[in-house]
mmCIF file of all heavy atoms, coordinates in Angstrom:
data_MODEL
# 
_entry.id   MODEL 
# 
loop_
_atom_site.group_PDB 
_atom_site.id 
_atom_site.type_symbol 
_atom_site.label_atom_id 
_atom_site.label_alt_id 
_atom_site.label_comp_id 
_atom_site.label_asym_id 
_atom_site.label_entity_id 
_atom_site.label_seq_id 
_atom_site.pdbx_PDB_ins_code 
_atom_site.Cartn_x 
_atom_site.Cartn_y 
_atom_site.Cartn_z 
_atom_site.occupancy 
_atom_site.B_iso_or_equiv 
_atom_site.pdbx_formal_charge 
_atom_site.auth_seq_id 
_atom_site.auth_comp_id 
_atom_site.auth_asym_id 
_atom_site.auth_atom_id 
_atom_site.pdbx_PDB_model_num 
ATOM 1   N N   . LYS A 1 1  ? 1.482  -55.930 -55.771 1.00 0.00 ? 1  LYS A N   1 
ATOM 2   C CA  . LYS A 1 1  ? 1.307  -57.311 -55.261 1.00 0.00 ? 1  LYS A CA  1 
ATOM 3   C C   . LYS A 1 1  ? 0.102  -57.983 -55.898 1.00 0.00 ? 1  LYS A C   1 
ATOM 4   O O   . LYS A 1 1  ? 0.164  -59.145 -56.298 1.00 0.00 ? 1  LYS A O   1 
ATOM 5   C CB  . LYS A 1 1  ? 1.117  -57.286 -53.734 1.00 0.00 ? 1  LYS A CB  1 
ATOM 6   C CG  . LYS A 1 1  ? 2.378  -57.212 -52.935 1.00 0.00 ? 1  LYS A CG  1 
ATOM 7   C CD  . LYS A 1 1  ? 2.000  -57.126 -51.458 1.00 0.00 ? 1  LYS A CD  1 
ATOM 8   C CE  . LYS A 1 1  ? 2.928  -57.897 -50.608 1.00 0.00 ? 1  LYS A CE  1 
ATOM 9   N NZ  . LYS A 1 1  ? 2.603  -57.756 -49.177 1.00 0.00 ? 1  LYS A NZ  1 
ATOM 10  N N   . LYS A 1 2  ? -0.994 -57.247 -55.995 1.00 0.00 ? 2  LYS A N   1 
ATOM 11  C CA  . LYS A 1 2  ? -2.224 -57.792 -56.579 1.00 0.00 ? 2  LYS A CA  1 
ATOM 12  C C   . LYS A 1 2  ? -2.001 -58.147 -58.045 1.00 0.00 ? 2  LYS A C   1 
ATOM 13  O O   . LYS A 1 2  ? -2.388 -59.235 -58.503 1.00 0.00 ? 2  LYS A O   1 
ATOM 14  C CB  . LYS A 1 2  ? -3.367 -56.792 -56.430 1.00 0.00 ? 2  LYS A CB  1 
ATOM 15  C CG  . LYS A 1 2  ? -4.722 -57.303 -56.910 1.00 0.00 ? 2  LYS A CG  1 
ATOM 16  C CD  . LYS A 1 2  ? -5.809 -56.265 -56.620 1.00 0.00 ? 2  LYS A CD  1 
ATOM 17  C CE  . LYS A 1 2  ? -7.193 -56.764 -56.913 1.00 0.00 ? 2  LYS A CE  1 
ATOM 18  N NZ  . LYS A 1 2  ? -7.442 -57.086 -58.302 1.00 0.00 ? 2  LYS A NZ  1 
ATOM 19  N N   . LEU A 1 3  ? -1.380 -57.244 -58.799 1.00 0.00 ? 3  LEU A N   1 
ATOM 20  C CA  . LEU A 1 3  ? -1.122 -57.500 -60.210 1.00 0.00 ? 3  LEU A CA  1 
ATOM 21  C C   . LEU A 1 3  ? -0.215 -58.720 -60.390 1.00 0.00 ? 3  LEU A C   1 
ATOM 22  O O   . LEU A 1 3  ? -0.470 -59.568 -61.251 1.00 0.00 ? 3  LEU A O   1 
ATOM 23  C CB  . LEU A 1 3  ? -0.500 -56.268 -60.878 1.00 0.00 ? 3  LEU A CB  1 
ATOM 24  C CG  . LEU A 1 3  ? -1.415 -55.056 -61.057 1.00 0.00 ? 3  LEU A CG  1 
ATOM 25  C CD1 . LEU A 1 3  ? -0.621 -53.836 -61.511 1.00 0.00 ? 3  LEU A CD1 1 
ATOM 26  C CD2 . LEU A 1 3  ? -2.530 -55.367 -62.055 1.00 0.00 ? 3  LEU A CD2 1 
ATOM 27  N N   . ILE A 1 4  ? 0.815  -58.828 -59.559 1.00 0.00 ? 4  ILE A N   1 
ATOM 28  C CA  . ILE A 1 4  ? 1.734  -59.970 -59.637 1.00 0.00 ? 4  ILE A CA  1 
ATOM 29  C C   . ILE A 1 4  ? 0.986  -61.265 -59.326 1.00 0.00 ? 4  ILE A C   1 
ATOM 30  O O   . ILE A 1 4  ? 1.142  -62.266 -60.029 1.00 0.00 ? 4  ILE A O   1 
ATOM 31  C CB  . ILE A 1 4  ? 2.946  -59.764 -58.694 1.00 0.00 ? 4  ILE A CB  1 
ATOM 32  C CG1 . ILE A 1 4  ? 3.875  -58.677 -59.251 1.00 0.00 ? 4  ILE A CG1 1 
ATOM 33  C CG2 . ILE A 1 4  ? 3.706  -61.073 -58.490 1.00 0.00 ? 4  ILE A CG2 1 
ATOM 34  C CD1 . ILE A 1 4  ? 4.964  -58.223 -58.296 1.00 0.00 ? 4  ILE A CD1 1 
ATOM 35  N N   . SER A 1 5  ? 0.155  -61.244 -58.273 1.00 0.00 ? 5  SER A N   1 
ATOM 36  C CA  . SER A 1 5  ? -0.583 -62.465 -57.902 1.00 0.00 ? 5  SER A CA  1 
ATOM 37  C C   . SER A 1 5  ? -1.558 -62.894 -59.001 1.00 0.00 ? 5  SER A C   1 
ATOM 38  O O   . SER A 1 5  ? -1.876 -64.074 -59.147 1.00 0.00 ? 5  SER A O   1 
ATOM 39  C CB  . SER A 1 5  ? -1.324 -62.281 -56.577 1.00 0.00 ? 5  SER A CB  1 
ATOM 40  O OG  . SER A 1 5  ? -2.434 -61.419 -56.751 1.00 0.00 ? 5  SER A OG  1 
ATOM 41  N N   . GLU A 1 6  ? -2.036 -61.927 -59.796 1.00 0.00 ? 6  GLU A N   1 
ATOM 42  C CA  . GLU A 1 6  ? -2.947 -62.228 -60.901 1.00 0.00 ? 6  GLU A CA  1 
ATOM 43  C C   . GLU A 1 6  ? -2.200 -62.533 -62.198 1.00 0.00 ? 6  GLU A C   1 
ATOM 44  O O   . GLU A 1 6  ? -2.806 -62.799 -63.225 1.00 0.00 ? 6  GLU A O   1 
ATOM 45  C CB  . GLU A 1 6  ? -3.899 -61.041 -61.127 1.00 0.00 ? 6  GLU A CB  1 
ATOM 46  C CG  . GLU A 1 6  ? -4.844 -60.800 -59.962 1.00 0.00 ? 6  GLU A CG  1 
ATOM 47  C CD  . GLU A 1 6  ? -5.630 -59.492 -60.102 1.00 0.00 ? 6  GLU A CD  1 
ATOM 48  O OE1 . GLU A 1 6  ? -5.364 -58.695 -61.040 1.00 0.00 ? 6  GLU A OE1 1 
ATOM 49  O OE2 . GLU A 1 6  ? -6.516 -59.261 -59.259 1.00 0.00 ? 6  GLU A OE2 1 
ATOM 50  N N   . GLY A 1 7  ? -0.850 -62.453 -62.146 1.00 0.00 ? 7  GLY A N   1 
ATOM 51  C CA  . GLY A 1 7  ? -0.046 -62.724 -63.339 1.00 0.00 ? 7  GLY A CA  1 
ATOM 52  C C   . GLY A 1 7  ? -0.107 -61.618 -64.374 1.00 0.00 ? 7  GLY A C   1 
ATOM 53  O O   . GLY A 1 7  ? 0.186  -61.835 -65.548 1.00 0.00 ? 7  GLY A O   1 
ATOM 54  N N   . LYS A 1 8  ? -0.470 -60.415 -63.934 1.00 0.00 ? 8  LYS A N   1 
ATOM 55  C CA  . LYS A 1 8  ? -0.593 -59.281 -64.858 1.00 0.00 ? 8  LYS A CA  1 
ATOM 56  C C   . LYS A 1 8  ? 0.664  -58.414 -64.803 1.00 0.00 ? 8  LYS A C   1 
ATOM 57  O O   . LYS A 1 8  ? 1.341  -58.341 -63.774 1.00 0.00 ? 8  LYS A O   1 
ATOM 58  C CB  . LYS A 1 8  ? -1.816 -58.436 -64.504 1.00 0.00 ? 8  LYS A CB  1 
ATOM 59  C CG  . LYS A 1 8  ? -3.123 -59.164 -64.679 1.00 0.00 ? 8  LYS A CG  1 
ATOM 60  C CD  . LYS A 1 8  ? -4.283 -58.267 -64.292 1.00 0.00 ? 8  LYS A CD  1 
ATOM 61  C CE  . LYS A 1 8  ? -5.610 -59.000 -64.470 1.00 0.00 ? 8  LYS A CE  1 
ATOM 62  N NZ  . LYS A 1 8  ? -6.734 -58.172 -63.981 1.00 0.00 ? 8  LYS A NZ  1 
ATOM 63  N N   . ASN A 1 9  ? 0.942  -57.737 -65.914 1.00 0.00 ? 9  ASN A N   1 
ATOM 64  C CA  . ASN A 1 9  ? 2.079  -56.828 -65.973 1.00 0.00 ? 9  ASN A CA  1 
ATOM 65  C C   . ASN A 1 9  ? 1.861  -55.638 -65.036 1.00 0.00 ? 9  ASN A C   1 
ATOM 66  O O   . ASN A 1 9  ? 0.736  -55.189 -64.841 1.00 0.00 ? 9  ASN A O   1 
ATOM 67  C CB  . ASN A 1 9  ? 2.276  -56.301 -67.396 1.00 0.00 ? 9  ASN A CB  1 
ATOM 68  C CG  . ASN A 1 9  ? 2.797  -57.359 -68.337 1.00 0.00 ? 9  ASN A CG  1 
ATOM 69  O OD1 . ASN A 1 9  ? 3.343  -58.375 -67.907 1.00 0.00 ? 9  ASN A OD1 1 
ATOM 70  N ND2 . ASN A 1 9  ? 2.636  -57.130 -69.624 1.00 0.00 ? 9  ASN A ND2 1 
ATOM 71  N N   . LEU A 1 10 ? 2.976  -55.136 -64.483 1.00 0.00 ? 10 LEU A N   1 
ATOM 72  C CA  . LEU A 1 10 ? 2.912  -53.940 -63.645 1.00 0.00 ? 10 LEU A CA  1 
ATOM 73  C C   . LEU A 1 10 ? 2.917  -52.726 -64.562 1.00 0.00 ? 10 LEU A C   1 
ATOM 74  O O   . LEU A 1 10 ? 3.673  -52.682 -65.534 1.00 0.00 ? 10 LEU A O   1 
ATOM 75  C CB  . LEU A 1 10 ? 4.100  -53.886 -62.685 1.00 0.00 ? 10 LEU A CB  1 
ATOM 76  C CG  . LEU A 1 10 ? 4.336  -55.119 -61.806 1.00 0.00 ? 10 LEU A CG  1 
ATOM 77  C CD1 . LEU A 1 10 ? 5.428  -54.851 -60.789 1.00 0.00 ? 10 LEU A CD1 1 
ATOM 78  C CD2 . LEU A 1 10 ? 3.058  -55.539 -61.111 1.00 0.00 ? 10 LEU A CD2 1 
ATOM 79  N N   . THR A 1 11 ? 2.060  -51.763 -64.277 1.00 0.00 ? 11 THR A N   1 
ATOM 80  C CA  . THR A 1 11 ? 1.995  -50.566 -65.108 1.00 0.00 ? 11 THR A CA  1 
ATOM 81  C C   . THR A 1 11 ? 2.616  -49.382 -64.372 1.00 0.00 ? 11 THR A C   1 
ATOM 82  O O   . THR A 1 11 ? 2.370  -49.170 -63.195 1.00 0.00 ? 11 THR A O   1 
ATOM 83  C CB  . THR A 1 11 ? 0.538  -50.231 -65.494 1.00 0.00 ? 11 THR A CB  1 
ATOM 84  O OG1 . THR A 1 11 ? -0.238 -50.097 -64.319 1.00 0.00 ? 11 THR A OG1 1 
ATOM 85  C CG2 . THR A 1 11 ? -0.060 -51.317 -66.383 1.00 0.00 ? 11 THR A CG2 1 
ATOM 86  N N   . LEU A 1 12 ? 3.448  -48.661 -65.100 1.00 0.00 ? 12 LEU A N   1 
ATOM 87  C CA  . LEU A 1 12 ? 4.080  -47.440 -64.600 1.00 0.00 ? 12 LEU A CA  1 
ATOM 88  C C   . LEU A 1 12 ? 3.756  -46.320 -65.564 1.00 0.00 ? 12 LEU A C   1 
ATOM 89  O O   . LEU A 1 12 ? 3.665  -46.545 -66.770 1.00 0.00 ? 12 LEU A O   1 
ATOM 90  C CB  . LEU A 1 12 ? 5.605  -47.594 -64.544 1.00 0.00 ? 12 LEU A CB  1 
ATOM 91  C CG  . LEU A 1 12 ? 6.162  -48.499 -63.470 1.00 0.00 ? 12 LEU A CG  1 
ATOM 92  C CD1 . LEU A 1 12 ? 7.604  -48.821 -63.740 1.00 0.00 ? 12 LEU A CD1 1 
ATOM 93  C CD2 . LEU A 1 12 ? 6.037  -47.820 -62.133 1.00 0.00 ? 12 LEU A CD2 1 
ATOM 94  N N   . THR A 1 13 ? 3.625  -45.117 -65.038 1.00 0.00 ? 13 THR A N   1 
ATOM 95  C CA  . THR A 1 13 ? 3.322  -44.009 -65.923 1.00 0.00 ? 13 THR A CA  1 
ATOM 96  C C   . THR A 1 13 ? 4.567  -43.475 -66.629 1.00 0.00 ? 13 THR A C   1 
ATOM 97  O O   . THR A 1 13 ? 4.468  -42.919 -67.714 1.00 0.00 ? 13 THR A O   1 
ATOM 98  C CB  . THR A 1 13 ? 2.620  -42.865 -65.157 1.00 0.00 ? 13 THR A CB  1 
ATOM 99  O OG1 . THR A 1 13 ? 3.452  -42.441 -64.087 1.00 0.00 ? 13 THR A OG1 1 
ATOM 100 C CG2 . THR A 1 13 ? 1.266  -43.319 -64.646 1.00 0.00 ? 13 THR A CG2 1 
ATOM 101 N N   . HIS A 1 14 ? 5.752  -43.637 -66.006 1.00 0.00 ? 14 HIS A N   1 
ATOM 102 C CA  . HIS A 1 14 ? 6.987  -43.114 -66.607 1.00 0.00 ? 14 HIS A CA  1 
ATOM 103 C C   . HIS A 1 14 ? 8.168  -43.843 -65.969 1.00 0.00 ? 14 HIS A C   1 
ATOM 104 O O   . HIS A 1 14 ? 8.153  -44.108 -64.764 1.00 0.00 ? 14 HIS A O   1 
ATOM 105 C CB  . HIS A 1 14 ? 7.077  -41.608 -66.345 1.00 0.00 ? 14 HIS A CB  1 
ATOM 106 C CG  . HIS A 1 14 ? 8.093  -40.916 -67.173 1.00 0.00 ? 14 HIS A CG  1 
ATOM 107 N ND1 . HIS A 1 14 ? 9.441  -40.970 -66.897 1.00 0.00 ? 14 HIS A ND1 1 
ATOM 108 C CD2 . HIS A 1 14 ? 7.958  -40.147 -68.286 1.00 0.00 ? 14 HIS A CD2 1 
ATOM 109 C CE1 . HIS A 1 14 ? 10.100 -40.253 -67.790 1.00 0.00 ? 14 HIS A CE1 1 
ATOM 110 N NE2 . HIS A 1 14 ? 9.208  -39.744 -68.645 1.00 0.00 ? 14 HIS A NE2 1 
ATOM 111 N N   . PRO A 1 15 ? 9.224  -44.146 -66.724 1.00 0.00 ? 15 PRO A N   1 
ATOM 112 C CA  . PRO A 1 15 ? 10.361 -44.875 -66.146 1.00 0.00 ? 15 PRO A CA  1 
ATOM 113 C C   . PRO A 1 15 ? 11.172 -44.077 -65.117 1.00 0.00 ? 15 PRO A C   1 
ATOM 114 O O   . PRO A 1 15 ? 11.887 -44.662 -64.307 1.00 0.00 ? 15 PRO A O   1 
ATOM 115 C CB  . PRO A 1 15 ? 11.232 -45.227 -67.364 1.00 0.00 ? 15 PRO A CB  1 
ATOM 116 C CG  . PRO A 1 15 ? 10.810 -44.294 -68.436 1.00 0.00 ? 15 PRO A CG  1 
ATOM 117 C CD  . PRO A 1 15 ? 9.372  -43.937 -68.162 1.00 0.00 ? 15 PRO A CD  1 
ATOM 118 N N   . ASP A 1 16 ? 11.065 -42.743 -65.142 1.00 0.00 ? 16 ASP A N   1 
ATOM 119 C CA  . ASP A 1 16 ? 11.853 -41.912 -64.222 1.00 0.00 ? 16 ASP A CA  1 
ATOM 120 C C   . ASP A 1 16 ? 11.075 -41.440 -63.004 1.00 0.00 ? 16 ASP A C   1 
ATOM 121 O O   . ASP A 1 16 ? 11.588 -40.655 -62.201 1.00 0.00 ? 16 ASP A O   1 
ATOM 122 C CB  . ASP A 1 16 ? 12.411 -40.686 -64.961 1.00 0.00 ? 16 ASP A CB  1 
ATOM 123 C CG  . ASP A 1 16 ? 13.399 -41.071 -66.039 1.00 0.00 ? 16 ASP A CG  1 
ATOM 124 O OD1 . ASP A 1 16 ? 14.100 -42.085 -65.866 1.00 0.00 ? 16 ASP A OD1 1 
ATOM 125 O OD2 . ASP A 1 16 ? 13.451 -40.372 -67.074 1.00 0.00 ? 16 ASP A OD2 1 
ATOM 126 N N   . ILE A 1 17 ? 9.852  -41.889 -62.834 1.00 0.00 ? 17 ILE A N   1 
ATOM 127 C CA  . ILE A 1 17 ? 9.017  -41.403 -61.732 1.00 0.00 ? 17 ILE A CA  1 
ATOM 128 C C   . ILE A 1 17 ? 9.581  -41.875 -60.390 1.00 0.00 ? 17 ILE A C   1 
ATOM 129 O O   . ILE A 1 17 ? 10.016 -43.011 -60.255 1.00 0.00 ? 17 ILE A O   1 
ATOM 130 C CB  . ILE A 1 17 ? 7.546  -41.831 -61.935 1.00 0.00 ? 17 ILE A CB  1 
ATOM 131 C CG1 . ILE A 1 17 ? 6.606  -40.878 -61.210 1.00 0.00 ? 17 ILE A CG1 1 
ATOM 132 C CG2 . ILE A 1 17 ? 7.302  -43.253 -61.547 1.00 0.00 ? 17 ILE A CG2 1 
ATOM 133 C CD1 . ILE A 1 17 ? 5.197  -40.887 -61.775 1.00 0.00 ? 17 ILE A CD1 1 
ATOM 134 N N   . THR A 1 18 ? 9.623  -40.962 -59.426 1.00 0.00 ? 18 THR A N   1 
ATOM 135 C CA  . THR A 1 18 ? 10.113 -41.295 -58.082 1.00 0.00 ? 18 THR A CA  1 
ATOM 136 C C   . THR A 1 18 ? 9.074  -40.855 -57.058 1.00 0.00 ? 18 THR A C   1 
ATOM 137 O O   . THR A 1 18 ? 8.302  -39.924 -57.295 1.00 0.00 ? 18 THR A O   1 
ATOM 138 C CB  . THR A 1 18 ? 11.450 -40.588 -57.755 1.00 0.00 ? 18 THR A CB  1 
ATOM 139 O OG1 . THR A 1 18 ? 11.260 -39.181 -57.788 1.00 0.00 ? 18 THR A OG1 1 
ATOM 140 C CG2 . THR A 1 18 ? 12.556 -41.003 -58.707 1.00 0.00 ? 18 THR A CG2 1 
ATOM 141 N N   . ARG A 1 19 ? 9.097  -41.518 -55.910 1.00 0.00 ? 19 ARG A N   1 
ATOM 142 C CA  . ARG A 1 19 ? 8.213  -41.168 -54.807 1.00 0.00 ? 19 ARG A CA  1 
ATOM 143 C C   . ARG A 1 19 ? 8.935  -41.419 -53.486 1.00 0.00 ? 19 ARG A C   1 
ATOM 144 O O   . ARG A 1 19 ? 9.852  -42.232 -53.406 1.00 0.00 ? 19 ARG A O   1 
ATOM 145 C CB  . ARG A 1 19 ? 6.917  -42.005 -54.826 1.00 0.00 ? 19 ARG A CB  1 
ATOM 146 C CG  . ARG A 1 19 ? 5.995  -41.712 -56.004 1.00 0.00 ? 19 ARG A CG  1 
ATOM 147 C CD  . ARG A 1 19 ? 5.421  -40.307 -55.914 1.00 0.00 ? 19 ARG A CD  1 
ATOM 148 N NE  . ARG A 1 19 ? 4.511  -39.994 -56.991 1.00 0.00 ? 19 ARG A NE  1 
ATOM 149 C CZ  . ARG A 1 19 ? 4.837  -39.296 -58.078 1.00 0.00 ? 19 ARG A CZ  1 
ATOM 150 N NH1 . ARG A 1 19 ? 6.060  -38.860 -58.252 1.00 0.00 ? 19 ARG A NH1 1 
ATOM 151 N NH2 . ARG A 1 19 ? 3.922  -39.023 -58.990 1.00 0.00 ? 19 ARG A NH2 1 
ATOM 152 N N   . TYR A 1 20 ? 8.481  -40.722 -52.450 1.00 0.00 ? 20 TYR A N   1 
ATOM 153 C CA  . TYR A 1 20 ? 8.979  -40.922 -51.095 1.00 0.00 ? 20 TYR A CA  1 
ATOM 154 C C   . TYR A 1 20 ? 8.085  -41.937 -50.390 1.00 0.00 ? 20 TYR A C   1 
ATOM 155 O O   . TYR A 1 20 ? 6.888  -41.969 -50.633 1.00 0.00 ? 20 TYR A O   1 
ATOM 156 C CB  . TYR A 1 20 ? 8.944  -39.616 -50.302 1.00 0.00 ? 20 TYR A CB  1 
ATOM 157 C CG  . TYR A 1 20 ? 9.928  -38.586 -50.787 1.00 0.00 ? 20 TYR A CG  1 
ATOM 158 C CD1 . TYR A 1 20 ? 9.562  -37.638 -51.727 1.00 0.00 ? 20 TYR A CD1 1 
ATOM 159 C CD2 . TYR A 1 20 ? 11.223 -38.560 -50.281 1.00 0.00 ? 20 TYR A CD2 1 
ATOM 160 C CE1 . TYR A 1 20 ? 10.467 -36.678 -52.165 1.00 0.00 ? 20 TYR A CE1 1 
ATOM 161 C CE2 . TYR A 1 20 ? 12.134 -37.609 -50.710 1.00 0.00 ? 20 TYR A CE2 1 
ATOM 162 C CZ  . TYR A 1 20 ? 11.745 -36.668 -51.653 1.00 0.00 ? 20 TYR A CZ  1 
ATOM 163 O OH  . TYR A 1 20 ? 12.642 -35.734 -52.076 1.00 0.00 ? 20 TYR A OH  1 
ATOM 164 N N   . PHE A 1 21 ? 8.674  -42.731 -49.491 1.00 0.00 ? 21 PHE A N   1 
ATOM 165 C CA  . PHE A 1 21 ? 7.905  -43.744 -48.760 1.00 0.00 ? 21 PHE A CA  1 
ATOM 166 C C   . PHE A 1 21 ? 8.268  -43.747 -47.287 1.00 0.00 ? 21 PHE A C   1 
ATOM 167 O O   . PHE A 1 21 ? 9.400  -43.445 -46.912 1.00 0.00 ? 21 PHE A O   1 
ATOM 168 C CB  . PHE A 1 21 ? 8.193  -45.148 -49.323 1.00 0.00 ? 21 PHE A CB  1 
ATOM 169 C CG  . PHE A 1 21 ? 7.669  -45.355 -50.712 1.00 0.00 ? 21 PHE A CG  1 
ATOM 170 C CD1 . PHE A 1 21 ? 8.490  -45.200 -51.803 1.00 0.00 ? 21 PHE A CD1 1 
ATOM 171 C CD2 . PHE A 1 21 ? 6.350  -45.710 -50.916 1.00 0.00 ? 21 PHE A CD2 1 
ATOM 172 C CE1 . PHE A 1 21 ? 8.007  -45.391 -53.092 1.00 0.00 ? 21 PHE A CE1 1 
ATOM 173 C CE2 . PHE A 1 21 ? 5.853  -45.907 -52.198 1.00 0.00 ? 21 PHE A CE2 1 
ATOM 174 C CZ  . PHE A 1 21 ? 6.692  -45.749 -53.284 1.00 0.00 ? 21 PHE A CZ  1 
ATOM 175 N N   . MET A 1 22 ? 7.292  -44.124 -46.468 1.00 0.00 ? 22 MET A N   1 
ATOM 176 C CA  . MET A 1 22 ? 7.532  -44.411 -45.056 1.00 0.00 ? 22 MET A CA  1 
ATOM 177 C C   . MET A 1 22 ? 6.504  -45.445 -44.620 1.00 0.00 ? 22 MET A C   1 
ATOM 178 O O   . MET A 1 22 ? 5.496  -45.662 -45.286 1.00 0.00 ? 22 MET A O   1 
ATOM 179 C CB  . MET A 1 22 ? 7.494  -43.157 -44.181 1.00 0.00 ? 22 MET A CB  1 
ATOM 180 C CG  . MET A 1 22 ? 6.168  -42.480 -44.079 1.00 0.00 ? 22 MET A CG  1 
ATOM 181 S SD  . MET A 1 22 ? 6.092  -41.029 -42.954 1.00 0.00 ? 22 MET A SD  1 
ATOM 182 C CE  . MET A 1 22 ? 7.728  -40.497 -42.732 1.00 0.00 ? 22 MET A CE  1 
ATOM 183 N N   . THR A 1 23 ? 6.779  -46.101 -43.491 1.00 0.00 ? 23 THR A N   1 
ATOM 184 C CA  . THR A 1 23 ? 5.863  -47.129 -42.995 1.00 0.00 ? 23 THR A CA  1 
ATOM 185 C C   . THR A 1 23 ? 4.708  -46.482 -42.234 1.00 0.00 ? 23 THR A C   1 
ATOM 186 O O   . THR A 1 23 ? 4.796  -45.328 -41.803 1.00 0.00 ? 23 THR A O   1 
ATOM 187 C CB  . THR A 1 23 ? 6.594  -48.102 -42.052 1.00 0.00 ? 23 THR A CB  1 
ATOM 188 O OG1 . THR A 1 23 ? 7.027  -47.373 -40.899 1.00 0.00 ? 23 THR A OG1 1 
ATOM 189 C CG2 . THR A 1 23 ? 7.777  -48.776 -42.740 1.00 0.00 ? 23 THR A CG2 1 
ATOM 190 N N   . ILE A 1 24 ? 3.645  -47.240 -42.041 1.00 0.00 ? 24 ILE A N   1 
ATOM 191 C CA  . ILE A 1 24 ? 2.495  -46.742 -41.283 1.00 0.00 ? 24 ILE A CA  1 
ATOM 192 C C   . ILE A 1 24 ? 2.884  -46.355 -39.859 1.00 0.00 ? 24 ILE A C   1 
ATOM 193 O O   . ILE A 1 24 ? 2.559  -45.248 -39.405 1.00 0.00 ? 24 ILE A O   1 
ATOM 194 C CB  . ILE A 1 24 ? 1.333  -47.771 -41.297 1.00 0.00 ? 24 ILE A CB  1 
ATOM 195 C CG1 . ILE A 1 24 ? 0.755  -47.885 -42.717 1.00 0.00 ? 24 ILE A CG1 1 
ATOM 196 C CG2 . ILE A 1 24 ? 0.236  -47.381 -40.304 1.00 0.00 ? 24 ILE A CG2 1 
ATOM 197 C CD1 . ILE A 1 24 ? -0.257 -49.009 -42.903 1.00 0.00 ? 24 ILE A CD1 1 
ATOM 198 N N   . PRO A 1 25 ? 3.615  -47.214 -39.108 1.00 0.00 ? 25 PRO A N   1 
ATOM 199 C CA  . PRO A 1 25 ? 4.002  -46.810 -37.744 1.00 0.00 ? 25 PRO A CA  1 
ATOM 200 C C   . PRO A 1 25 ? 4.871  -45.554 -37.719 1.00 0.00 ? 25 PRO A C   1 
ATOM 201 O O   . PRO A 1 25 ? 4.695  -44.683 -36.862 1.00 0.00 ? 25 PRO A O   1 
ATOM 202 C CB  . PRO A 1 25 ? 4.776  -48.018 -37.211 1.00 0.00 ? 25 PRO A CB  1 
ATOM 203 C CG  . PRO A 1 25 ? 4.315  -49.178 -38.038 1.00 0.00 ? 25 PRO A CG  1 
ATOM 204 C CD  . PRO A 1 25 ? 3.998  -48.611 -39.388 1.00 0.00 ? 25 PRO A CD  1 
ATOM 205 N N   . GLU A 1 26 ? 5.803  -45.445 -38.672 1.00 0.00 ? 26 GLU A N   1 
ATOM 206 C CA  . GLU A 1 26 ? 6.672  -44.266 -38.716 1.00 0.00 ? 26 GLU A CA  1 
ATOM 207 C C   . GLU A 1 26 ? 5.850  -43.005 -39.004 1.00 0.00 ? 26 GLU A C   1 
ATOM 208 O O   . GLU A 1 26 ? 6.014  -41.983 -38.340 1.00 0.00 ? 26 GLU A O   1 
ATOM 209 C CB  . GLU A 1 26 ? 7.739  -44.455 -39.802 1.00 0.00 ? 26 GLU A CB  1 
ATOM 210 C CG  . GLU A 1 26 ? 8.753  -43.331 -39.871 1.00 0.00 ? 26 GLU A CG  1 
ATOM 211 C CD  . GLU A 1 26 ? 9.805  -43.549 -40.943 1.00 0.00 ? 26 GLU A CD  1 
ATOM 212 O OE1 . GLU A 1 26 ? 9.586  -44.347 -41.881 1.00 0.00 ? 26 GLU A OE1 1 
ATOM 213 O OE2 . GLU A 1 26 ? 10.854 -42.898 -40.845 1.00 0.00 ? 26 GLU A OE2 1 
# 
């Protein structure tokens, strides 16, 4: 979000990288 708001490109370390996510309340 910060990079987008600054108009900067998003950086990824690898195109196949995956991660698990959950919300703070969960």
